[in-house]
Amino acid sequence: MAKNQDTAFQTKIWKPKFSDDITFHKAYFLNYGFDKHVHEDYTIGLIQNGHMDAFVDGEKKSLDSSTIVSVNPDETHACQTFYHKDYTLYSIYLKPNLFKELVNENFHTSELYFKEGAYFDKELSSRFLKILNFSENQYLSNLDFECELLDSVKSLVSKNVKYSIDKNISNHQSMIKKAKEFMSENYHLDLNLDDISDALDVSKYHFLRTFKDKTFLSPHNYLMLKRIEKAKELLQKGESLTNTAHICGFNDQSHLNRRFKSIMGLTPGEYKKFFN
């Protein structure tokens, strides 16, 4: 998380009544931001006002309300205020099963992904923002909101799509994929570099260098992000903070609190209240 003097971060999180597989965030950033991270969901970001200094598509970009941030699961990105003071951001998180169901129903394949992390379409961005604003202020019925939202997502996918992740991956990419799978399966364990490199049958120094070069994250940071994603899932279901810390591999509740707030901007208890 990046901070400067005179910082502020305010957030609101909610789910629509028609689906438990969609989560909405609305956040205000003043001289504040989040370092490189990943999500397990498909993410759509809309800048309501101001400019966001983002890391997306492997590079830093300055984005405004004409941009739709569209991130696939496990793609590294960041939202910052390096050069601009403040901005307001809506985020839509779609569970992979919902996204795949939507694209399969409309495009007759489940193997579709966002092509560009920063997609410029002012008209579609304005449409998303209008829908979210109307919903937040309860100007739309649940039926209208669901229809408008899913149709907008369908429109974004049709314009900003690639039909599959490249199957002709290099040895390095294959190693990274296996490493991520290993950490995702063993996120609750106190892993070290030897554990991961031994599972991959490679030098730990080669693995560390390659992982950071290809993902823009250290293995430790990636493992922490996987734990936080699991913690979010448990907290949304009402799990206690103590059990969440234990299940996700944190030393104790204090460790969970510290890590969670550094990545989410609020404590696990504050996050849980939005859903319970």
Protein backbone atom coordinates (compact mmCIF):
# COMPACT_ATOMS: atom_id res chain seq x y z
CA MET A 1 0.00 0.00 0.00
CA ALA A 2 1.32 3.43 -0.89
CA LYS A 3 0.67 6.46 1.32
CA ASN A 4 1.63 10.11 1.41
CA GLN A 5 0.72 12.96 3.74
CA ASP A 6 -2.97 13.95 4.02
CA THR A 7 -4.23 10.54 2.98
CA ALA A 8 -7.78 9.28 2.88
CA PHE A 9 -9.42 6.01 1.89
CA GLN A 10 -13.15 5.42 2.09
CA THR A 11 -14.84 2.30 0.81
CA LYS A 12 -18.24 0.69 0.47
CA ILE A 13 -18.75 -2.99 -0.42
CA TRP A 14 -21.98 -4.73 -1.32
CA LYS A 15 -23.52 -7.60 -3.25
CA PRO A 16 -26.60 -7.40 -5.48
CA LYS A 17 -29.67 -9.29 -4.34
CA PHE A 18 -29.80 -11.33 -7.55
CA SER A 19 -26.35 -12.97 -7.33
CA ASP A 20 -23.86 -14.02 -4.68
CA ASP A 21 -21.20 -14.32 -7.40
CA ILE A 22 -20.90 -10.55 -7.90
CA THR A 23 -19.33 -8.07 -5.49
CA PHE A 24 -19.24 -4.29 -5.85
CA HIS A 25 -16.69 -1.93 -4.35
CA LYS A 26 -16.81 1.86 -4.37
CA ALA A 27 -13.70 3.57 -3.03
CA TYR A 28 -12.34 7.09 -2.71
CA PHE A 29 -8.55 7.49 -2.77
CA LEU A 30 -6.70 10.62 -1.64
CA ASN A 31 -2.91 10.29 -1.90
CA TYR A 32 -3.47 6.60 -1.34
CA GLY A 33 -3.31 3.41 -3.29
CA PHE A 34 -2.61 -0.31 -3.38
CA ASP A 35 0.58 -1.97 -4.56
CA LYS A 36 0.72 -4.77 -7.12
CA HIS A 37 -1.75 -7.54 -6.36
CA VAL A 38 -3.98 -10.18 -7.92
CA HIS A 39 -7.60 -11.31 -7.51
CA GLU A 40 -9.24 -14.68 -8.11
CA ASP A 41 -12.19 -12.95 -9.81
CA TYR A 42 -12.65 -11.19 -13.14
CA THR A 43 -12.44 -7.49 -12.28
CA ILE A 44 -13.99 -4.48 -14.01
CA GLY A 45 -12.91 -1.06 -12.76
CA LEU A 46 -14.63 2.27 -13.55
CA ILE A 47 -13.15 5.65 -12.59
CA GLN A 48 -15.99 7.95 -11.62
CA ASN A 49 -13.86 11.08 -11.26
CA GLY A 50 -10.19 12.05 -11.09
CA HIS A 51 -7.26 10.13 -12.52
CA MET A 52 -5.83 6.82 -11.40
CA ASP A 53 -2.17 5.95 -11.84
CA ALA A 54 -2.44 2.26 -12.53
CA PHE A 55 -0.13 -0.64 -13.15
CA VAL A 56 -1.88 -2.75 -15.77
CA ASP A 57 -0.85 -4.71 -18.87
CA GLY A 58 2.66 -4.87 -17.38
CA GLU A 59 3.25 -1.13 -17.23
CA LYS A 60 2.24 2.10 -15.49
CA LYS A 61 -0.63 4.03 -17.09
CA SER A 62 -2.58 7.16 -16.19
CA LEU A 63 -6.30 6.40 -16.53
CA ASP A 64 -9.49 8.46 -16.36
CA SER A 65 -13.25 7.97 -16.72
CA SER A 66 -12.92 7.01 -20.39
CA THR A 67 -11.08 3.83 -19.38
CA ILE A 68 -12.51 0.48 -18.32
CA VAL A 69 -10.02 -1.49 -16.27
CA SER A 70 -10.60 -5.16 -17.15
CA VAL A 71 -8.45 -7.70 -15.37
CA ASN A 72 -8.48 -11.49 -15.64
CA PRO A 73 -8.03 -13.70 -12.56
CA ASP A 74 -4.44 -13.82 -11.33
CA GLU A 75 -3.26 -10.89 -13.48
CA THR A 76 -1.03 -8.47 -11.59
CA HIS A 77 -2.27 -4.89 -11.35
CA ALA A 78 -2.17 -1.90 -9.01
CA CYS A 79 -4.05 1.34 -8.35
CA GLN A 80 -2.06 4.33 -7.12
CA THR A 81 -1.95 8.13 -6.90
CA PHE A 82 1.63 8.78 -7.97
CA TYR A 83 1.00 11.84 -10.12
CA HIS A 84 -2.62 12.71 -9.33
CA LYS A 85 -4.15 13.58 -6.00
CA ASP A 86 -7.43 11.71 -5.79
CA TYR A 87 -10.02 9.63 -7.61
CA THR A 88 -13.16 7.56 -7.04
CA LEU A 89 -13.25 4.00 -8.34
CA TYR A 90 -16.08 1.50 -8.77
CA SER A 91 -15.00 -2.14 -9.02
CA ILE A 92 -17.10 -5.09 -10.12
CA TYR A 93 -15.82 -8.54 -9.12
CA LEU A 94 -17.26 -11.49 -11.05
CA LYS A 95 -16.65 -15.04 -9.87
CA PRO A 96 -15.06 -17.17 -12.62
CA ASN A 97 -18.03 -19.57 -12.73
CA LEU A 98 -20.44 -16.67 -13.40
CA PHE A 99 -18.18 -15.13 -16.03
CA LYS A 100 -17.71 -18.44 -17.82
CA GLU A 101 -21.45 -19.10 -17.73
CA LEU A 102 -22.13 -15.66 -19.22
CA VAL A 103 -19.62 -15.98 -22.05
CA ASN A 104 -20.61 -19.58 -22.80
CA GLU A 105 -24.26 -18.56 -23.04
CA ASN A 106 -23.53 -15.62 -25.35
CA PHE A 107 -20.40 -16.64 -27.25
CA HIS A 108 -20.67 -20.47 -27.13
CA THR A 109 -17.30 -20.93 -25.45
CA SER A 110 -16.07 -20.61 -21.88
CA GLU A 111 -12.51 -19.85 -22.97
CA LEU A 112 -12.78 -16.07 -23.25
CA TYR A 113 -10.58 -13.54 -21.46
CA PHE A 114 -10.15 -9.80 -21.36
CA LYS A 115 -7.60 -8.75 -23.96
CA GLU A 116 -6.57 -5.31 -22.67
CA GLY A 117 -6.32 -4.40 -19.01
CA ALA A 118 -6.91 -0.73 -19.86
CA TYR A 119 -9.67 -0.59 -22.46
CA PHE A 120 -10.69 2.86 -23.71
CA ASP A 121 -14.41 3.23 -24.40
CA LYS A 122 -15.96 6.36 -22.94
CA GLU A 123 -19.51 5.47 -23.99
CA LEU A 124 -19.46 2.02 -22.40
CA SER A 125 -17.66 3.31 -19.32
CA SER A 126 -20.36 5.98 -18.87
CA ARG A 127 -23.02 3.31 -19.23
CA PHE A 128 -21.43 1.17 -16.48
CA LEU A 129 -21.08 4.19 -14.18
CA LYS A 130 -24.69 5.24 -14.74
CA ILE A 131 -25.94 1.74 -13.95
CA LEU A 132 -23.86 1.50 -10.77
CA ASN A 133 -24.86 4.95 -9.60
CA PHE A 134 -28.55 4.25 -10.20
CA SER A 135 -28.28 0.94 -8.34
CA GLU A 136 -26.38 2.45 -5.42
CA ASN A 137 -29.09 5.08 -5.02
CA GLN A 138 -31.87 2.53 -5.64
CA TYR A 139 -33.18 4.18 -8.80
CA LEU A 140 -33.37 0.79 -10.56
CA SER A 141 -35.37 -2.30 -9.77
CA ASN A 142 -33.43 -5.50 -9.20
CA LEU A 143 -34.60 -6.81 -12.58
CA ASP A 144 -33.56 -3.65 -14.45
CA PHE A 145 -30.20 -3.60 -12.72
CA GLU A 146 -29.44 -7.25 -13.42
CA CYS A 147 -30.39 -6.94 -17.10
CA GLU A 148 -28.45 -3.71 -17.63
CA LEU A 149 -25.35 -4.96 -15.80
CA LEU A 150 -25.12 -8.32 -17.57
CA ASP A 151 -25.75 -6.69 -20.95
CA SER A 152 -22.95 -4.18 -20.28
CA VAL A 153 -20.56 -6.96 -19.28
CA LYS A 154 -21.51 -8.84 -22.46
CA SER A 155 -20.78 -5.71 -24.50
CA LEU A 156 -17.37 -5.27 -22.85
CA VAL A 157 -16.43 -8.90 -23.48
CA SER A 158 -17.48 -8.67 -27.14
CA LYS A 159 -15.24 -5.62 -27.66
CA ASN A 160 -12.25 -6.49 -25.48
CA VAL A 161 -11.70 -10.19 -25.85
CA LYS A 162 -9.13 -12.85 -26.56
CA TYR A 163 -10.34 -16.36 -27.12
CA SER A 164 -7.86 -18.24 -24.99
CA ILE A 165 -4.73 -17.94 -22.95
CA ASP A 166 -1.79 -18.82 -25.22
CA LYS A 167 -1.43 -22.59 -25.06
CA ASN A 168 2.07 -22.53 -26.57
CA ILE A 169 3.65 -21.41 -23.33
CA SER A 170 7.38 -21.29 -22.67
CA ASN A 171 9.18 -23.37 -20.07
CA HIS A 172 9.34 -20.33 -17.81
CA GLN A 173 5.60 -19.70 -18.12
CA SER A 174 4.91 -23.37 -17.40
CA MET A 175 7.07 -23.15 -14.29
CA ILE A 176 5.23 -20.04 -13.10
CA LYS A 177 1.85 -21.72 -13.67
CA LYS A 178 2.90 -24.77 -11.64
CA ALA A 179 4.33 -22.58 -8.88
CA LYS A 180 1.09 -20.63 -8.61
CA GLU A 181 -0.92 -23.84 -8.49
CA PHE A 182 1.36 -25.21 -5.76
CA MET A 183 1.03 -22.06 -3.64
CA SER A 184 -2.73 -21.89 -4.22
CA GLU A 185 -3.12 -25.47 -3.01
CA ASN A 186 -0.83 -24.96 -0.01
CA TYR A 187 -1.58 -21.33 0.91
CA HIS A 188 -2.19 -22.32 4.56
CA LEU A 189 1.30 -23.77 5.02
CA ASP A 190 4.46 -21.94 6.09
CA LEU A 191 6.16 -22.44 2.73
CA ASN A 192 9.75 -21.49 1.95
CA LEU A 193 11.64 -21.25 -1.34
CA ASP A 194 12.98 -24.80 -1.01
CA ASP A 195 9.45 -26.20 -0.68
CA ILE A 196 8.36 -24.53 -3.91
CA SER A 197 11.53 -25.09 -5.94
CA ASP A 198 11.72 -28.75 -4.85
CA ALA A 199 8.13 -29.25 -6.05
CA LEU A 200 9.13 -27.74 -9.39
CA ASP A 201 12.54 -29.48 -9.53
CA VAL A 202 14.41 -26.23 -10.25
CA SER A 203 17.00 -24.09 -8.49
CA LYS A 204 15.39 -21.82 -5.91
CA TYR A 205 17.48 -18.90 -7.18
CA HIS A 206 16.32 -19.46 -10.75
CA PHE A 207 12.73 -19.80 -9.56
CA LEU A 208 12.85 -16.61 -7.48
CA ARG A 209 14.37 -14.56 -10.29
CA THR A 210 11.95 -15.89 -12.93
CA PHE A 211 8.84 -15.57 -10.77
CA LYS A 212 9.51 -11.93 -9.93
CA ASP A 213 10.38 -11.14 -13.55
CA LYS A 214 7.22 -12.68 -14.99
CA THR A 215 4.61 -11.84 -12.33
CA PHE A 216 5.97 -8.53 -10.92
CA LEU A 217 5.48 -10.10 -7.46
CA SER A 218 7.71 -11.97 -5.06
CA PRO A 219 6.61 -15.53 -4.17
CA HIS A 220 6.01 -14.33 -0.60
CA ASN A 221 3.71 -11.53 -1.74
CA TYR A 222 1.83 -13.90 -4.03
CA LEU A 223 1.30 -16.36 -1.17
CA MET A 224 0.01 -13.55 1.08
CA LEU A 225 -2.42 -12.45 -1.63
CA LYS A 226 -3.74 -16.00 -1.96
CA ARG A 227 -4.30 -16.10 1.80
CA ILE A 228 -6.14 -12.78 1.74
CA GLU A 229 -8.38 -13.96 -1.13
CA LYS A 230 -9.29 -17.05 0.92
CA ALA A 231 -9.84 -14.90 4.01
CA LYS A 232 -12.23 -12.64 2.06
CA GLU A 233 -14.22 -15.68 0.96
CA LEU A 234 -14.50 -16.97 4.54
CA LEU A 235 -15.40 -13.58 6.02
CA GLN A 236 -18.15 -13.10 3.45
CA LYS A 237 -19.65 -16.37 4.68
CA GLY A 238 -19.54 -15.19 8.29
CA GLU A 239 -16.51 -17.13 9.54
CA SER A 240 -14.97 -15.83 12.78
CA LEU A 241 -11.74 -13.82 12.66
CA THR A 242 -9.93 -16.39 14.80
CA ASN A 243 -10.90 -19.32 12.59
CA THR A 244 -10.16 -17.33 9.43
CA ALA A 245 -6.64 -16.57 10.66
CA HIS A 246 -6.06 -20.26 11.49
CA ILE A 247 -7.51 -21.64 8.25
CA CYS A 248 -5.54 -19.21 6.07
CA GLY A 249 -2.17 -19.88 7.68
CA PHE A 250 -1.67 -16.67 9.64
CA ASN A 251 0.17 -16.86 12.96
CA ASP A 252 -2.73 -15.30 14.84
CA GLN A 253 -5.56 -12.79 14.46
CA SER A 254 -3.15 -9.86 14.81
CA HIS A 255 -1.10 -11.18 11.88
CA LEU A 256 -4.27 -11.51 9.80
CA ASN A 257 -5.36 -7.97 10.71
CA ARG A 258 -2.03 -6.47 9.73
CA ARG A 259 -1.75 -8.28 6.40
CA PHE A 260 -5.42 -7.83 5.51
CA LYS A 261 -5.40 -4.08 6.12
CA SER A 262 -2.17 -3.60 4.16
CA ILE A 263 -3.83 -5.16 1.11
CA MET A 264 -7.50 -4.21 1.51
CA GLY A 265 -7.28 -0.84 3.29
CA LEU A 266 -9.59 -1.98 6.09
CA THR A 267 -9.48 -4.59 8.83
CA PRO A 268 -11.01 -8.07 8.48
CA GLY A 269 -13.68 -7.08 11.01
CA GLU A 270 -14.63 -3.99 9.02
CA TYR A 271 -14.71 -6.06 5.81
CA LYS A 272 -16.92 -8.72 7.42
CA LYS A 273 -19.50 -6.14 8.53
CA PHE A 274 -20.31 -5.31 4.90
CA PHE A 275 -21.63 -8.86 4.43
CA ASN A 276 -23.04 -9.71 7.85
